[in-house]
N, C-alpha and C. Protein backbone atom coordinates (compact mmCIF):
# COMPACT_ATOMS: atom_id res chain seq x y z
N LEU A 1 11.67 0.69 -35.23
CA LEU A 1 10.86 -0.35 -35.52
C LEU A 1 11.31 -0.41 -37.20
N GLU A 2 11.50 0.77 -37.80
CA GLU A 2 11.48 0.33 -39.24
C GLU A 2 13.55 -0.22 -39.36
N ARG A 3 14.06 0.79 -39.10
CA ARG A 3 15.80 0.54 -38.20
C ARG A 3 15.56 -1.09 -38.23
N MET A 4 14.96 -1.55 -36.82
CA MET A 4 15.27 -2.91 -36.63
C MET A 4 14.76 -3.78 -37.53
N GLU A 5 13.89 -3.77 -38.22
CA GLU A 5 13.56 -4.07 -39.57
C GLU A 5 14.59 -4.68 -40.23
N GLN A 6 14.91 -3.53 -40.71
CA GLN A 6 16.01 -3.25 -41.77
C GLN A 6 17.23 -3.88 -41.46
N LEU A 7 17.66 -3.86 -40.13
CA LEU A 7 18.82 -4.52 -39.92
C LEU A 7 18.58 -5.69 -39.61
N ALA A 8 17.38 -6.33 -39.06
CA ALA A 8 17.13 -7.73 -39.06
C ALA A 8 17.38 -8.89 -40.32
N LYS A 9 16.52 -8.39 -41.50
CA LYS A 9 17.11 -8.63 -42.45
C LYS A 9 18.06 -8.82 -43.17
N ALA A 10 19.10 -7.77 -42.80
CA ALA A 10 20.30 -7.99 -43.26
C ALA A 10 21.09 -9.45 -42.62
N TYR A 11 20.39 -9.89 -41.56
CA TYR A 11 21.15 -10.62 -40.51
C TYR A 11 20.01 -11.95 -40.91
N GLN A 12 19.09 -12.15 -41.97
CA GLN A 12 18.19 -12.92 -42.16
C GLN A 12 17.27 -13.37 -40.79
N ALA A 13 16.69 -12.70 -40.49
CA ALA A 13 16.04 -12.95 -38.85
C ALA A 13 14.91 -11.93 -39.01
N SER A 14 14.04 -11.87 -37.94
CA SER A 14 13.30 -10.87 -37.84
C SER A 14 13.39 -10.25 -36.60
N ALA A 15 12.65 -8.95 -36.66
CA ALA A 15 12.48 -7.73 -35.82
C ALA A 15 12.59 -7.91 -34.17
N PHE A 16 11.90 -9.24 -33.88
CA PHE A 16 11.76 -9.89 -32.27
C PHE A 16 13.36 -10.48 -32.32
N HIS A 17 13.69 -10.81 -33.76
CA HIS A 17 15.16 -11.54 -33.13
C HIS A 17 16.24 -11.11 -32.61
N LEU A 18 16.09 -9.88 -33.42
CA LEU A 18 16.95 -8.31 -32.92
C LEU A 18 16.91 -8.09 -31.97
N LEU A 19 15.74 -7.57 -31.43
CA LEU A 19 15.41 -6.92 -30.12
C LEU A 19 15.65 -7.97 -28.87
N LEU A 20 15.10 -9.08 -29.42
CA LEU A 20 15.75 -10.35 -28.30
C LEU A 20 17.65 -10.32 -28.06
N ALA A 21 18.06 -10.10 -29.16
CA ALA A 21 19.64 -9.85 -28.97
C ALA A 21 19.91 -8.87 -28.45
N ALA A 22 19.39 -7.82 -28.83
CA ALA A 22 20.11 -6.18 -28.36
C ALA A 22 19.49 -6.63 -26.27
N MET A 23 18.44 -7.58 -26.12
CA MET A 23 18.32 -7.15 -24.78
C MET A 23 19.04 -8.35 -24.11
N TYR A 24 19.34 -9.42 -24.91
CA TYR A 24 20.62 -10.40 -24.39
C TYR A 24 22.01 -9.70 -24.15
N VAL A 25 22.36 -9.01 -24.93
CA VAL A 25 23.44 -8.31 -24.77
C VAL A 25 23.34 -6.92 -23.41
N TYR A 26 22.62 -6.53 -23.73
CA TYR A 26 22.31 -5.24 -22.18
C TYR A 26 22.12 -6.50 -21.00
N PHE A 27 21.29 -7.29 -21.14
CA PHE A 27 21.04 -8.08 -19.65
C PHE A 27 22.51 -8.81 -19.37
N THR A 28 23.04 -9.10 -20.53
CA THR A 28 24.75 -10.27 -20.08
C THR A 28 25.87 -8.89 -19.45
N ARG A 29 25.75 -8.04 -19.70
CA ARG A 29 26.59 -6.78 -20.08
C ARG A 29 26.37 -6.37 -18.42
N THR A 30 25.21 -5.86 -18.30
CA THR A 30 24.85 -5.40 -16.70
C THR A 30 24.66 -6.25 -15.52
N ASN A 31 24.31 -7.43 -16.26
CA ASN A 31 24.49 -8.57 -14.64
C ASN A 31 25.92 -9.52 -14.74
N GLN A 32 26.65 -8.86 -15.63
CA GLN A 32 27.69 -9.81 -15.56
C GLN A 32 27.79 -11.53 -15.95
N ARG A 33 26.80 -11.78 -16.69
CA ARG A 33 26.75 -12.97 -17.30
C ARG A 33 26.14 -13.92 -18.29
N GLU A 34 27.27 -14.51 -18.97
CA GLU A 34 27.01 -14.92 -20.21
C GLU A 34 25.37 -15.69 -20.72
N GLU A 35 24.87 -16.40 -19.67
CA GLU A 35 23.32 -17.30 -19.67
C GLU A 35 22.49 -16.10 -19.02
N TRP A 36 20.93 -16.66 -19.85
CA TRP A 36 20.21 -15.66 -19.72
C TRP A 36 18.93 -16.51 -19.78
N VAL A 37 17.72 -16.22 -19.24
CA VAL A 37 16.60 -17.28 -19.26
C VAL A 37 15.67 -16.22 -19.44
N VAL A 38 15.07 -16.03 -20.49
CA VAL A 38 13.61 -15.06 -20.83
C VAL A 38 12.24 -15.59 -20.97
N GLY A 39 11.42 -15.18 -20.53
CA GLY A 39 10.30 -16.11 -20.68
C GLY A 39 9.74 -15.13 -22.22
N VAL A 40 9.62 -15.80 -23.21
CA VAL A 40 8.44 -15.22 -24.45
C VAL A 40 6.89 -15.83 -24.66
N PRO A 41 6.20 -14.64 -24.89
CA PRO A 41 4.63 -15.44 -24.90
C PRO A 41 4.50 -16.20 -26.29
N ILE A 42 4.31 -17.09 -26.22
CA ILE A 42 4.05 -18.10 -27.52
C ILE A 42 2.17 -18.66 -27.85
N LEU A 43 1.83 -18.70 -29.11
CA LEU A 43 0.33 -18.80 -29.22
C LEU A 43 -0.12 -20.13 -29.29
N ASN A 44 1.31 -21.20 -29.28
CA ASN A 44 0.88 -22.56 -28.97
C ASN A 44 -0.20 -23.30 -30.12
N ARG A 45 0.37 -22.72 -31.28
CA ARG A 45 -0.59 -23.55 -32.38
C ARG A 45 0.48 -24.16 -33.30
N ALA A 46 1.10 -25.28 -32.89
CA ALA A 46 2.13 -25.60 -33.95
C ALA A 46 1.58 -26.57 -35.13
N ASN A 47 0.38 -26.38 -34.98
CA ASN A 47 0.01 -27.67 -36.31
C ASN A 47 -1.32 -27.28 -36.84
N ALA A 48 -1.62 -27.69 -37.48
CA ALA A 48 -3.12 -27.15 -38.38
C ALA A 48 -4.38 -27.38 -37.22
N ARG A 49 -4.24 -28.88 -36.90
CA ARG A 49 -5.51 -28.98 -35.89
C ARG A 49 -5.99 -27.64 -35.05
N PHE A 50 -4.50 -27.54 -34.06
CA PHE A 50 -4.64 -26.62 -33.53
C PHE A 50 -4.85 -25.01 -34.35
N ARG A 51 -4.47 -25.08 -34.82
CA ARG A 51 -4.78 -23.49 -35.96
C ARG A 51 -6.39 -23.19 -35.99
N ALA A 52 -7.12 -24.71 -36.43
CA ALA A 52 -8.51 -24.83 -36.63
C ALA A 52 -9.27 -24.84 -35.50
N THR A 53 -8.67 -24.86 -34.36
CA THR A 53 -8.97 -25.10 -32.94
C THR A 53 -9.69 -23.26 -32.34
N VAL A 54 -10.93 -23.20 -32.17
CA VAL A 54 -11.40 -21.77 -31.24
C VAL A 54 -11.03 -22.23 -30.05
N GLY A 55 -10.23 -21.28 -29.61
CA GLY A 55 -9.60 -21.40 -28.17
C GLY A 55 -8.30 -20.73 -28.07
N LEU A 56 -8.23 -20.10 -26.78
CA LEU A 56 -6.82 -19.61 -26.26
C LEU A 56 -5.90 -20.41 -25.67
N PHE A 57 -4.64 -20.64 -26.56
CA PHE A 57 -3.58 -21.71 -26.31
C PHE A 57 -2.26 -21.29 -25.78
N ALA A 58 -1.97 -19.96 -25.79
CA ALA A 58 -1.14 -19.16 -25.19
C ALA A 58 -0.37 -19.50 -24.12
N GLN A 59 0.91 -19.00 -23.95
CA GLN A 59 1.10 -19.56 -22.96
C GLN A 59 2.76 -19.19 -22.88
N VAL A 60 3.63 -19.10 -22.03
CA VAL A 60 5.04 -18.15 -21.90
C VAL A 60 5.86 -19.45 -21.82
N SER A 61 6.79 -19.52 -23.13
CA SER A 61 7.80 -20.01 -22.95
C SER A 61 9.31 -20.02 -22.59
N ALA A 62 9.59 -20.50 -21.73
CA ALA A 62 11.43 -20.12 -21.33
C ALA A 62 12.26 -20.47 -22.07
N VAL A 63 13.11 -19.47 -22.33
CA VAL A 63 13.95 -19.70 -23.75
C VAL A 63 15.64 -19.33 -22.96
N ARG A 64 16.17 -20.52 -23.23
CA ARG A 64 17.85 -20.04 -22.63
C ARG A 64 18.50 -19.73 -23.41
N LEU A 65 19.25 -18.69 -23.19
CA LEU A 65 20.05 -18.09 -24.30
C LEU A 65 21.75 -18.10 -23.37
N GLN A 66 22.65 -18.26 -24.29
CA GLN A 66 24.00 -18.33 -23.33
C GLN A 66 25.18 -18.34 -25.25
N PHE A 67 25.44 -17.08 -25.20
CA PHE A 67 26.46 -16.90 -26.05
C PHE A 67 27.42 -16.68 -25.71
N ASP A 68 29.02 -16.59 -26.89
CA ASP A 68 30.00 -16.42 -26.18
C ASP A 68 30.02 -14.89 -26.31
N GLU A 69 30.40 -14.39 -25.41
CA GLU A 69 30.75 -13.00 -25.68
C GLU A 69 31.48 -12.00 -26.55
N GLN A 70 32.02 -12.68 -27.17
CA GLN A 70 32.97 -11.99 -28.82
C GLN A 70 32.26 -12.20 -30.04
N LEU A 71 31.01 -13.09 -29.70
CA LEU A 71 30.17 -13.08 -30.98
C LEU A 71 29.78 -12.05 -31.71
N PRO A 72 30.04 -11.73 -32.63
CA PRO A 72 29.73 -10.95 -33.52
C PRO A 72 28.34 -10.31 -33.44
N PHE A 73 27.48 -9.27 -33.23
CA PHE A 73 26.51 -8.95 -33.28
C PHE A 73 25.40 -9.72 -33.97
N GLY A 74 26.30 -9.48 -35.45
CA GLY A 74 24.99 -10.52 -36.56
C GLY A 74 24.96 -12.03 -36.61
N GLU A 75 25.95 -12.42 -35.91
CA GLU A 75 25.69 -14.15 -35.35
C GLU A 75 25.13 -14.37 -34.07
N LEU A 76 25.44 -13.21 -33.45
CA LEU A 76 24.31 -13.40 -32.06
C LEU A 76 22.66 -13.31 -32.46
N VAL A 77 22.52 -12.38 -33.55
CA VAL A 77 21.10 -12.45 -34.06
C VAL A 77 20.68 -13.87 -34.24
N ARG A 78 21.69 -14.00 -35.33
CA ARG A 78 21.19 -16.00 -36.04
C ARG A 78 21.10 -16.67 -34.86
N GLY A 79 22.20 -16.66 -33.95
CA GLY A 79 21.74 -17.51 -32.93
C GLY A 79 20.84 -17.54 -32.33
N VAL A 80 20.21 -16.47 -32.00
CA VAL A 80 19.05 -16.11 -31.47
C VAL A 80 17.74 -16.64 -32.07
N ARG A 81 17.71 -16.82 -33.26
CA ARG A 81 16.69 -17.27 -34.51
C ARG A 81 16.93 -18.51 -34.33
N ASP A 82 17.53 -19.18 -34.34
CA ASP A 82 18.21 -20.57 -34.23
C ASP A 82 17.36 -21.45 -33.04
N GLN A 83 17.87 -20.96 -32.00
CA GLN A 83 17.54 -20.93 -30.53
C GLN A 83 16.22 -21.18 -30.17
N LEU A 84 15.32 -19.89 -31.14
CA LEU A 84 14.02 -20.13 -30.50
C LEU A 84 13.21 -20.98 -31.46
N GLN A 85 13.82 -21.15 -32.86
CA GLN A 85 13.50 -22.67 -33.77
C GLN A 85 13.52 -23.66 -32.93
N GLN A 86 14.72 -23.97 -32.23
CA GLN A 86 14.85 -25.18 -31.78
C GLN A 86 13.96 -25.29 -30.24
N ASP A 87 13.85 -24.06 -29.48
CA ASP A 87 12.95 -24.05 -28.24
C ASP A 87 11.54 -24.18 -28.87
N PHE A 88 10.86 -23.84 -29.71
CA PHE A 88 9.82 -23.52 -30.36
C PHE A 88 9.03 -24.91 -30.54
N ARG A 89 9.95 -26.22 -30.74
CA ARG A 89 9.68 -27.26 -30.72
C ARG A 89 8.96 -27.93 -29.76
N HIS A 90 8.99 -27.47 -28.38
CA HIS A 90 8.64 -28.00 -27.30
C HIS A 90 7.85 -26.81 -26.45
N GLN A 91 7.39 -26.14 -27.72
CA GLN A 91 6.43 -25.37 -27.05
C GLN A 91 4.78 -25.81 -26.22
N ARG A 92 4.54 -26.95 -26.37
CA ARG A 92 3.52 -27.62 -25.65
C ARG A 92 3.86 -28.18 -24.21
N PHE A 93 5.07 -27.83 -23.85
CA PHE A 93 5.32 -28.58 -22.65
C PHE A 93 4.84 -27.32 -21.68
N PRO A 94 4.09 -27.28 -20.57
CA PRO A 94 3.63 -26.39 -19.80
C PRO A 94 4.57 -25.59 -18.97
N LEU A 95 5.00 -24.88 -18.94
CA LEU A 95 6.13 -23.68 -17.95
C LEU A 95 5.73 -24.38 -16.55
N SER A 96 4.19 -24.51 -16.42
CA SER A 96 3.60 -24.77 -14.90
C SER A 96 4.44 -25.56 -14.47
N GLU A 97 4.66 -26.71 -15.59
CA GLU A 97 5.14 -28.22 -15.18
C GLU A 97 6.52 -28.00 -14.70
N MET A 98 7.12 -27.25 -15.70
CA MET A 98 8.50 -27.08 -15.81
C MET A 98 8.73 -26.44 -14.21
N ASN A 99 8.48 -25.43 -14.19
CA ASN A 99 8.43 -24.90 -12.50
C ASN A 99 8.64 -25.58 -11.52
N ARG A 100 7.32 -26.69 -11.34
CA ARG A 100 7.22 -27.22 -10.45
C ARG A 100 8.33 -28.84 -10.34
N GLU A 101 8.40 -29.10 -11.16
CA GLU A 101 9.63 -30.56 -11.68
C GLU A 101 10.76 -29.48 -10.89
N LEU A 102 10.94 -28.50 -11.55
CA LEU A 102 12.71 -27.71 -11.33
C LEU A 102 12.62 -27.59 -9.74
N GLY A 103 11.11 -27.38 -8.68
CA GLY A 103 11.01 -27.46 -7.66
C GLY A 103 11.45 -25.70 -6.95
N LEU A 104 11.18 -24.79 -8.04
CA LEU A 104 11.51 -23.23 -8.02
C LEU A 104 10.96 -22.55 -6.90
N ARG A 105 9.37 -23.24 -6.83
CA ARG A 105 9.04 -22.46 -5.06
C ARG A 105 9.74 -22.72 -4.14
N ARG A 106 10.05 -24.20 -4.07
CA ARG A 106 10.93 -24.35 -2.30
C ARG A 106 12.00 -23.75 -2.46
N SER A 107 12.52 -22.87 -3.60
CA SER A 107 13.85 -22.15 -3.80
C SER A 107 13.60 -20.85 -3.28
N GLY A 108 12.32 -20.29 -3.39
CA GLY A 108 11.91 -18.65 -3.06
C GLY A 108 11.84 -18.28 -4.36
N ARG A 109 11.75 -19.23 -5.81
CA ARG A 109 11.22 -18.59 -7.09
C ARG A 109 9.93 -18.86 -7.45
N GLU A 110 9.41 -17.58 -7.95
CA GLU A 110 8.06 -18.14 -8.90
C GLU A 110 8.55 -18.79 -10.33
N GLN A 111 9.45 -18.21 -11.22
CA GLN A 111 9.25 -18.61 -12.35
C GLN A 111 10.76 -18.63 -12.56
N LEU A 112 11.10 -19.80 -13.88
CA LEU A 112 12.26 -20.07 -13.94
C LEU A 112 13.16 -18.93 -14.94
N PHE A 113 12.17 -17.82 -15.16
CA PHE A 113 13.08 -16.40 -15.87
C PHE A 113 12.38 -15.17 -14.89
N GLU A 114 13.33 -13.87 -15.19
CA GLU A 114 12.74 -13.05 -14.40
C GLU A 114 12.14 -11.72 -15.32
N VAL A 115 12.46 -12.07 -16.89
CA VAL A 115 12.30 -11.11 -17.40
C VAL A 115 11.53 -11.19 -18.72
N SER A 116 10.57 -11.05 -19.29
CA SER A 116 9.59 -11.77 -20.02
C SER A 116 10.01 -10.64 -21.25
N LEU A 117 10.00 -11.07 -22.73
CA LEU A 117 9.90 -10.36 -23.83
C LEU A 117 9.07 -10.55 -24.36
N SER A 118 7.72 -9.38 -25.45
CA SER A 118 6.98 -9.75 -26.35
C SER A 118 6.91 -8.96 -27.29
N PHE A 119 6.37 -9.04 -28.49
CA PHE A 119 6.64 -8.32 -29.69
C PHE A 119 5.41 -8.40 -30.25
N GLU A 120 4.40 -7.67 -30.46
CA GLU A 120 2.98 -7.66 -30.73
C GLU A 120 2.46 -6.57 -31.86
N GLN A 121 2.42 -7.43 -32.82
CA GLN A 121 2.24 -6.81 -33.89
C GLN A 121 0.45 -6.77 -34.36
N ASP A 122 0.44 -5.62 -33.84
CA ASP A 122 -1.65 -5.56 -34.60
C ASP A 122 -1.40 -4.59 -35.84
N ASP A 123 -1.62 -5.38 -37.19
CA ASP A 123 -1.91 -4.80 -38.22
C ASP A 123 -2.98 -4.76 -38.60
N HIS A 124 -3.86 -4.14 -37.48
CA HIS A 124 -5.50 -3.57 -37.86
C HIS A 124 -5.72 -2.30 -38.16
N ASP A 125 -6.24 -1.63 -38.85
CA ASP A 125 -6.98 -0.49 -38.73
C ASP A 125 -8.00 -0.17 -37.85
N LEU A 126 -7.06 0.23 -36.66
CA LEU A 126 -8.57 0.46 -35.76
C LEU A 126 -9.22 1.55 -36.08
N ARG A 127 -10.71 1.21 -35.97
CA ARG A 127 -11.91 2.52 -36.37
C ARG A 127 -12.99 2.29 -35.44
N TYR A 128 -13.59 3.27 -34.92
CA TYR A 128 -14.82 3.54 -34.73
C TYR A 128 -15.52 4.31 -35.78
N GLY A 129 -16.03 3.92 -36.31
CA GLY A 129 -16.80 4.87 -37.74
C GLY A 129 -16.14 5.53 -38.54
N ASP A 130 -15.60 6.50 -38.43
CA ASP A 130 -14.65 7.22 -39.35
C ASP A 130 -13.52 7.84 -38.42
N VAL A 131 -13.65 7.48 -36.82
CA VAL A 131 -12.61 7.90 -36.01
C VAL A 131 -11.81 6.93 -35.67
N GLN A 132 -10.25 7.08 -36.13
CA GLN A 132 -9.48 6.20 -35.78
C GLN A 132 -9.35 6.22 -34.57
N ALA A 133 -8.92 4.69 -34.08
CA ALA A 133 -8.78 4.32 -32.53
C ALA A 133 -7.24 4.05 -32.47
N ARG A 134 -6.62 3.59 -31.02
CA ARG A 134 -5.35 2.82 -30.77
C ARG A 134 -5.90 2.03 -29.99
N ALA A 135 -5.03 1.18 -30.18
CA ALA A 135 -5.17 -0.25 -28.92
C ALA A 135 -4.18 0.66 -28.05
N VAL A 136 -4.58 0.52 -26.42
CA VAL A 136 -3.79 0.81 -25.36
C VAL A 136 -2.91 -0.62 -24.59
N LYS A 137 -2.16 -0.55 -24.06
CA LYS A 137 -1.63 -1.44 -23.11
C LYS A 137 -1.88 -0.98 -21.64
N VAL A 138 -3.03 -1.49 -20.98
CA VAL A 138 -3.52 -1.64 -20.22
C VAL A 138 -2.54 -2.52 -18.83
N SER A 139 -2.12 -1.99 -17.24
CA SER A 139 -1.60 -2.86 -16.55
C SER A 139 -1.97 -2.52 -15.29
N ASN A 140 -2.28 -3.26 -14.53
CA ASN A 140 -2.89 -2.94 -12.93
C ASN A 140 -1.70 -2.82 -12.02
N ARG A 141 -0.85 -2.39 -12.39
CA ARG A 141 0.57 -2.07 -12.28
C ARG A 141 1.04 -2.92 -10.73
N HIS A 142 1.17 -4.49 -11.01
CA HIS A 142 1.22 -5.31 -10.16
C HIS A 142 1.93 -6.47 -11.41
N GLU A 143 2.96 -6.68 -11.60
CA GLU A 143 3.65 -7.42 -12.35
C GLU A 143 4.61 -8.38 -11.51
N PRO A 144 3.90 -9.58 -11.04
CA PRO A 144 4.73 -10.68 -10.71
C PRO A 144 6.16 -11.12 -10.94
N LEU A 145 6.76 -10.47 -12.36
CA LEU A 145 8.47 -10.98 -12.39
C LEU A 145 8.69 -9.37 -12.58
N PRO A 146 10.12 -9.57 -12.03
CA PRO A 146 10.46 -7.94 -12.27
C PRO A 146 10.25 -7.18 -13.34
N LEU A 147 10.46 -7.75 -14.63
CA LEU A 147 10.04 -6.50 -15.41
C LEU A 147 9.85 -7.82 -16.72
N ALA A 148 8.71 -6.95 -17.32
CA ALA A 148 8.39 -7.54 -18.48
C ALA A 148 7.91 -6.32 -19.57
N ILE A 149 8.87 -6.72 -21.02
CA ILE A 149 8.62 -5.51 -21.81
C ILE A 149 8.19 -5.77 -22.91
N HIS A 150 7.21 -5.11 -23.68
CA HIS A 150 6.10 -5.35 -24.34
C HIS A 150 6.59 -4.23 -25.90
N LEU A 151 6.95 -4.47 -27.15
CA LEU A 151 7.11 -4.05 -27.85
C LEU A 151 5.67 -4.25 -29.17
N ARG A 152 4.72 -2.92 -29.35
CA ARG A 152 3.69 -2.95 -29.45
C ARG A 152 3.91 -2.26 -31.45
N SER A 153 3.49 -3.14 -32.25
CA SER A 153 3.00 -2.26 -33.56
C SER A 153 2.08 -2.49 -33.99
N ASN A 154 1.93 -1.45 -35.09
CA ASN A 154 0.54 -1.15 -36.01
C ASN A 154 1.02 -0.63 -37.48
N ARG A 155 1.22 -1.97 -38.47
CA ARG A 155 1.54 -0.73 -39.38
C ARG A 155 0.50 -0.57 -40.46
N GLN A 156 -0.79 -0.71 -39.92
CA GLN A 156 -1.56 0.32 -40.30
C GLN A 156 -1.69 1.69 -40.28
N GLN A 157 -0.97 1.58 -38.95
CA GLN A 157 -1.15 3.24 -38.36
C GLN A 157 0.19 4.16 -38.76
N GLY A 158 1.35 2.74 -38.96
CA GLY A 158 2.46 3.43 -38.85
C GLY A 158 3.00 3.69 -37.16
N SER A 159 2.45 3.02 -36.49
CA SER A 159 2.79 3.65 -34.95
C SER A 159 3.68 2.21 -34.50
N ALA A 160 4.74 2.66 -33.21
CA ALA A 160 5.35 1.14 -32.41
C ALA A 160 5.49 1.94 -31.20
N CYS A 161 5.06 0.97 -29.90
CA CYS A 161 5.08 1.92 -28.87
C CYS A 161 6.06 0.80 -27.92
N LEU A 162 6.90 1.10 -26.90
CA LEU A 162 7.62 0.09 -26.32
C LEU A 162 6.61 0.49 -24.58
N HIS A 163 6.33 -0.66 -23.87
CA HIS A 163 5.79 -0.73 -22.54
C HIS A 163 6.63 -1.62 -21.91
N CYS A 164 7.31 -1.20 -20.80
CA CYS A 164 7.90 -1.67 -19.79
C CYS A 164 7.07 -2.03 -18.50
N VAL A 165 6.83 -3.11 -18.15
CA VAL A 165 6.05 -3.16 -16.92
C VAL A 165 6.87 -3.75 -15.77
N TYR A 166 7.03 -3.04 -14.65
CA TYR A 166 7.89 -3.77 -13.71
C TYR A 166 7.51 -3.89 -12.49
N ASN A 167 7.81 -4.62 -11.50
CA ASN A 167 8.01 -4.85 -10.28
C ASN A 167 8.91 -3.74 -9.67
N GLU A 168 8.05 -3.44 -8.37
CA GLU A 168 8.85 -2.39 -7.87
C GLU A 168 9.73 -2.29 -6.71
N GLY A 169 9.59 -4.14 -6.47
CA GLY A 169 10.39 -4.53 -5.86
C GLY A 169 11.55 -5.14 -5.72
N TYR A 170 11.94 -4.70 -7.57
CA TYR A 170 13.05 -5.21 -8.02
C TYR A 170 13.58 -4.22 -8.99
N PHE A 171 12.91 -2.96 -9.67
CA PHE A 171 13.63 -1.95 -10.37
C PHE A 171 13.13 -0.87 -9.60
N GLN A 172 13.51 0.40 -10.11
CA GLN A 172 12.91 1.44 -9.76
C GLN A 172 12.76 2.43 -10.93
N HIS A 173 12.06 3.25 -11.13
CA HIS A 173 11.03 4.12 -12.38
C HIS A 173 12.60 4.58 -13.34
N ALA A 174 13.30 4.81 -12.53
CA ALA A 174 14.24 5.73 -13.24
C ALA A 174 15.33 4.36 -14.07
N GLU A 175 15.67 3.22 -13.08
CA GLU A 175 16.00 2.30 -13.89
C GLU A 175 15.28 1.75 -15.32
N VAL A 176 14.06 1.76 -14.95
CA VAL A 176 13.39 1.00 -16.20
C VAL A 176 13.47 2.29 -17.25
N GLN A 177 13.27 3.69 -16.87
CA GLN A 177 13.59 4.56 -17.96
C GLN A 177 14.83 4.56 -18.67
N ALA A 178 15.87 4.24 -17.75
CA ALA A 178 17.22 4.54 -18.99
C ALA A 178 17.06 3.18 -19.68
N LEU A 179 16.66 1.61 -19.25
CA LEU A 179 16.60 0.96 -19.93
C LEU A 179 15.62 1.26 -21.42
N ALA A 180 14.71 1.95 -21.15
CA ALA A 180 13.73 2.20 -22.27
C ALA A 180 14.57 3.44 -23.50
N GLN A 181 15.29 4.02 -22.62
CA GLN A 181 15.98 5.08 -23.69
C GLN A 181 17.21 4.31 -24.23
N ARG A 182 17.55 3.32 -23.79
CA ARG A 182 18.76 2.67 -24.28
C ARG A 182 18.41 1.91 -25.78
N LEU A 183 16.92 1.14 -25.36
CA LEU A 183 16.41 0.60 -26.25
C LEU A 183 15.66 1.01 -27.54
N ILE A 184 15.47 2.21 -27.44
CA ILE A 184 14.43 3.22 -28.54
C ILE A 184 15.90 4.00 -28.91
N TRP A 185 16.70 4.13 -28.46
CA TRP A 185 17.82 5.02 -29.09
C TRP A 185 18.59 4.53 -30.27
């Protein structure tokens, strides 16, 4: 995570932009296609009115990424950053509405994307009295998407964990393990 943050800073981007760019390179090369749509969780609190309102407004935004394969990695990271900024202007548009308008269920697809990627920063000092605690990612082992990747970090504890939740109808355990190893290497 520290290496990601240092490199992202050099590209005037965030660690999430760098992670998303790395995932873009991985999936476009392994699937041999230049276009990739990824689901990105967002808080959906775009203006001051929503920041002051109690409630959960989170949803998943479909982000379409398509870049020239000859693009240097630094430019790709900045391109991802710019694409996310552009797409987040439309974050209030419900994903369910988009899926319905595109007729994805009629074509046998549930979602516009097959992979979701989140970067969760939990910067709290988690304690129960004097005992140090840690957040744990829990899964019911049922993932409707083929793959959901979660990077969780906690600066207070100096930790970062990568969680890959996958649908066994699409991936085998060894494939996901290999992907995780490539990401953390």
